[in-house]
Amino acid sequence: MALDGDMTVQETLRRHSGALAFFIERRMLCVGCPTEAFHTLADVARIHGYPLEAFLEALEAAIKGEKEPPRDAERGNR
């Protein structure tokens, strides 16, 4: 699947329907946001305080339907 930080939210949602629940469960307002076509996954991770690699791994696990770690466990220190 190979997610990377340069993918936009819009591109991710179009390619991977499982990403929708990931953003909603974390109360990230990315879904339907006017900037979803421009914000990258790296932008989202930074804005929400997640280390990029942990964010991408959790998103990939959600897309694959795997069990994820608790939401707060993957968030970095602010």
N, C-alpha and C. Protein backbone atom coordinates (compact mmCIF):
# COMPACT_ATOMS: atom_id res chain seq x y z
N MET A 1 0.83 -1.19 0.00
CA MET A 1 0.00 0.00 0.00
C MET A 1 0.87 1.25 0.00
N ALA A 2 1.91 1.26 0.78
CA ALA A 2 2.92 2.32 0.77
C ALA A 2 2.36 3.73 0.89
N LEU A 3 1.88 4.04 2.09
CA LEU A 3 1.50 5.42 2.38
C LEU A 3 2.78 6.21 2.60
N ASP A 4 2.75 7.47 2.25
CA ASP A 4 3.88 8.32 2.58
C ASP A 4 3.38 9.70 2.96
N GLY A 5 4.22 10.44 3.63
CA GLY A 5 3.86 11.75 4.14
C GLY A 5 3.50 12.77 3.09
N ASP A 6 3.87 12.52 1.85
CA ASP A 6 3.58 13.48 0.77
C ASP A 6 2.20 13.30 0.15
N MET A 7 1.51 12.22 0.50
CA MET A 7 0.15 12.00 -0.02
C MET A 7 -0.80 13.00 0.63
N THR A 8 -1.73 13.52 -0.15
CA THR A 8 -2.73 14.42 0.43
C THR A 8 -3.82 13.60 1.12
N VAL A 9 -4.54 14.27 2.00
CA VAL A 9 -5.67 13.62 2.66
C VAL A 9 -6.68 13.16 1.61
N GLN A 10 -6.97 14.01 0.66
CA GLN A 10 -7.94 13.68 -0.39
C GLN A 10 -7.52 12.43 -1.17
N GLU A 11 -6.26 12.38 -1.55
CA GLU A 11 -5.74 11.23 -2.29
C GLU A 11 -5.85 9.95 -1.44
N THR A 12 -5.53 10.07 -0.17
CA THR A 12 -5.60 8.93 0.74
C THR A 12 -7.03 8.42 0.87
N LEU A 13 -7.98 9.34 1.05
CA LEU A 13 -9.38 8.95 1.19
C LEU A 13 -9.93 8.32 -0.09
N ARG A 14 -9.49 8.81 -1.22
CA ARG A 14 -9.96 8.24 -2.50
C ARG A 14 -9.43 6.83 -2.73
N ARG A 15 -8.20 6.60 -2.33
CA ARG A 15 -7.57 5.29 -2.57
C ARG A 15 -7.92 4.25 -1.50
N HIS A 16 -8.19 4.72 -0.28
CA HIS A 16 -8.33 3.80 0.85
C HIS A 16 -9.56 4.18 1.68
N SER A 17 -10.65 3.48 1.47
CA SER A 17 -11.88 3.81 2.20
C SER A 17 -11.74 3.63 3.71
N GLY A 18 -10.85 2.75 4.14
CA GLY A 18 -10.62 2.55 5.57
C GLY A 18 -10.04 3.75 6.28
N ALA A 19 -9.49 4.67 5.52
CA ALA A 19 -8.90 5.88 6.12
C ALA A 19 -9.98 6.79 6.70
N LEU A 20 -11.18 6.72 6.16
CA LEU A 20 -12.27 7.57 6.63
C LEU A 20 -12.52 7.37 8.12
N ALA A 21 -12.68 6.14 8.55
CA ALA A 21 -12.93 5.84 9.96
C ALA A 21 -11.75 6.27 10.83
N PHE A 22 -10.54 6.11 10.32
CA PHE A 22 -9.34 6.50 11.07
C PHE A 22 -9.40 7.97 11.45
N PHE A 23 -9.70 8.84 10.49
CA PHE A 23 -9.76 10.27 10.76
C PHE A 23 -10.93 10.62 11.67
N ILE A 24 -12.07 10.00 11.45
CA ILE A 24 -13.26 10.30 12.25
C ILE A 24 -13.09 9.85 13.70
N GLU A 25 -12.55 8.65 13.91
CA GLU A 25 -12.36 8.13 15.27
C GLU A 25 -11.43 9.01 16.09
N ARG A 26 -10.51 9.67 15.44
CA ARG A 26 -9.56 10.55 16.14
C ARG A 26 -10.05 11.99 16.21
N ARG A 27 -11.27 12.20 15.73
CA ARG A 27 -11.88 13.53 15.73
C ARG A 27 -11.03 14.55 14.96
N MET A 28 -10.37 14.06 13.93
CA MET A 28 -9.63 14.94 13.04
C MET A 28 -10.62 15.44 12.00
N LEU A 29 -10.68 16.70 11.81
CA LEU A 29 -11.67 17.29 10.91
C LEU A 29 -11.21 17.30 9.46
N CYS A 30 -10.35 16.36 9.12
CA CYS A 30 -9.79 16.28 7.77
C CYS A 30 -10.85 15.94 6.72
N VAL A 31 -11.79 15.09 7.09
CA VAL A 31 -12.81 14.64 6.16
C VAL A 31 -13.75 15.80 5.85
N GLY A 32 -13.79 16.19 4.59
CA GLY A 32 -14.65 17.29 4.18
C GLY A 32 -14.04 18.67 4.37
N CYS A 33 -12.84 18.73 4.91
CA CYS A 33 -12.17 20.02 5.10
C CYS A 33 -11.78 20.58 3.73
N PRO A 34 -11.93 21.89 3.54
CA PRO A 34 -11.56 22.48 2.25
C PRO A 34 -10.08 22.29 1.90
N THR A 35 -9.24 22.03 2.91
CA THR A 35 -7.81 21.87 2.62
C THR A 35 -7.39 20.41 2.43
N GLU A 36 -8.36 19.48 2.42
CA GLU A 36 -7.98 18.07 2.28
C GLU A 36 -7.26 17.79 0.96
N ALA A 37 -7.49 18.63 -0.03
CA ALA A 37 -6.81 18.45 -1.32
C ALA A 37 -5.37 18.95 -1.27
N PHE A 38 -5.04 19.72 -0.24
CA PHE A 38 -3.70 20.32 -0.15
C PHE A 38 -2.89 19.80 1.03
N HIS A 39 -3.55 19.50 2.15
CA HIS A 39 -2.82 19.01 3.32
C HIS A 39 -2.32 17.60 3.06
N THR A 40 -1.05 17.40 3.36
CA THR A 40 -0.46 16.08 3.23
C THR A 40 -0.62 15.32 4.55
N LEU A 41 -0.35 14.04 4.51
CA LEU A 41 -0.38 13.25 5.73
C LEU A 41 0.67 13.75 6.72
N ALA A 42 1.79 14.23 6.22
CA ALA A 42 2.81 14.81 7.10
C ALA A 42 2.27 16.06 7.79
N ASP A 43 1.52 16.88 7.06
CA ASP A 43 0.90 18.07 7.65
C ASP A 43 -0.05 17.67 8.77
N VAL A 44 -0.88 16.68 8.50
CA VAL A 44 -1.88 16.23 9.48
C VAL A 44 -1.19 15.70 10.73
N ALA A 45 -0.17 14.87 10.56
CA ALA A 45 0.56 14.33 11.71
C ALA A 45 1.14 15.47 12.55
N ARG A 46 1.76 16.43 11.90
CA ARG A 46 2.37 17.56 12.61
C ARG A 46 1.31 18.38 13.34
N ILE A 47 0.23 18.72 12.66
CA ILE A 47 -0.83 19.55 13.23
C ILE A 47 -1.45 18.89 14.46
N HIS A 48 -1.59 17.57 14.41
CA HIS A 48 -2.25 16.85 15.51
C HIS A 48 -1.27 16.27 16.52
N GLY A 49 0.02 16.54 16.37
CA GLY A 49 1.01 16.15 17.36
C GLY A 49 1.45 14.70 17.34
N TYR A 50 1.41 14.07 16.18
CA TYR A 50 1.85 12.68 16.05
C TYR A 50 3.20 12.63 15.35
N PRO A 51 4.10 11.74 15.80
CA PRO A 51 5.30 11.49 15.00
C PRO A 51 4.86 10.89 13.66
N LEU A 52 5.45 11.32 12.58
CA LEU A 52 5.01 10.91 11.25
C LEU A 52 4.99 9.40 11.07
N GLU A 53 6.07 8.73 11.44
CA GLU A 53 6.13 7.27 11.22
C GLU A 53 5.04 6.55 12.00
N ALA A 54 4.81 6.93 13.25
CA ALA A 54 3.76 6.30 14.06
C ALA A 54 2.39 6.56 13.45
N PHE A 55 2.18 7.77 12.97
CA PHE A 55 0.91 8.14 12.34
C PHE A 55 0.66 7.30 11.10
N LEU A 56 1.66 7.19 10.24
CA LEU A 56 1.52 6.41 9.01
C LEU A 56 1.29 4.93 9.31
N GLU A 57 1.99 4.40 10.31
CA GLU A 57 1.81 2.99 10.68
C GLU A 57 0.40 2.74 11.19
N ALA A 58 -0.11 3.64 12.02
CA ALA A 58 -1.47 3.48 12.56
C ALA A 58 -2.51 3.61 11.45
N LEU A 59 -2.30 4.54 10.54
CA LEU A 59 -3.22 4.72 9.42
C LEU A 59 -3.21 3.48 8.52
N GLU A 60 -2.04 2.96 8.25
CA GLU A 60 -1.94 1.76 7.42
C GLU A 60 -2.62 0.57 8.09
N ALA A 61 -2.44 0.43 9.40
CA ALA A 61 -3.09 -0.65 10.13
C ALA A 61 -4.61 -0.52 10.06
N ALA A 62 -5.10 0.70 10.18
CA ALA A 62 -6.55 0.93 10.10
C ALA A 62 -7.09 0.59 8.72
N ILE A 63 -6.34 0.95 7.71
CA ILE A 63 -6.77 0.66 6.34
C ILE A 63 -6.81 -0.85 6.10
N LYS A 64 -5.84 -1.55 6.67
CA LYS A 64 -5.79 -3.01 6.51
C LYS A 64 -6.77 -3.73 7.44
N GLY A 65 -7.39 -2.98 8.35
CA GLY A 65 -8.34 -3.58 9.28
C GLY A 65 -7.69 -4.26 10.46
N GLU A 66 -6.43 -3.94 10.72
CA GLU A 66 -5.72 -4.54 11.84
C GLU A 66 -6.06 -3.80 13.12
N LYS A 67 -5.84 -4.48 14.24
CA LYS A 67 -6.04 -3.84 15.53
C LYS A 67 -4.94 -2.81 15.72
N GLU A 68 -5.35 -1.63 16.20
CA GLU A 68 -4.40 -0.54 16.39
C GLU A 68 -4.08 -0.35 17.86
N PRO A 69 -2.95 0.30 18.15
CA PRO A 69 -2.66 0.66 19.54
C PRO A 69 -3.64 1.73 20.00
N PRO A 70 -3.79 1.92 21.32
CA PRO A 70 -4.66 2.99 21.79
C PRO A 70 -4.27 4.33 21.18
N ARG A 71 -5.25 5.17 20.90
CA ARG A 71 -5.00 6.44 20.21
C ARG A 71 -3.92 7.28 20.88
N ASP A 72 -3.96 7.38 22.21
CA ASP A 72 -3.00 8.24 22.90
C ASP A 72 -1.60 7.65 22.89
N ALA A 73 -1.47 6.35 22.73
CA ALA A 73 -0.16 5.71 22.74
C ALA A 73 0.67 6.09 21.52
N GLU A 74 0.02 6.46 20.44
CA GLU A 74 0.77 6.78 19.23
C GLU A 74 1.06 8.27 19.10
N ARG A 75 0.49 9.07 19.99
CA ARG A 75 0.67 10.52 19.91
C ARG A 75 1.97 10.90 20.60
N GLY A 76 2.72 11.79 20.00
CA GLY A 76 3.97 12.27 20.58
C GLY A 76 3.73 13.35 21.60
N ASN A 77 4.78 13.74 22.25
CA ASN A 77 4.68 14.85 23.21
C ASN A 77 4.53 16.15 22.48
N ARG A 78 3.71 17.01 23.03
CA ARG A 78 3.52 18.33 22.43
C ARG A 78 4.38 19.34 23.11
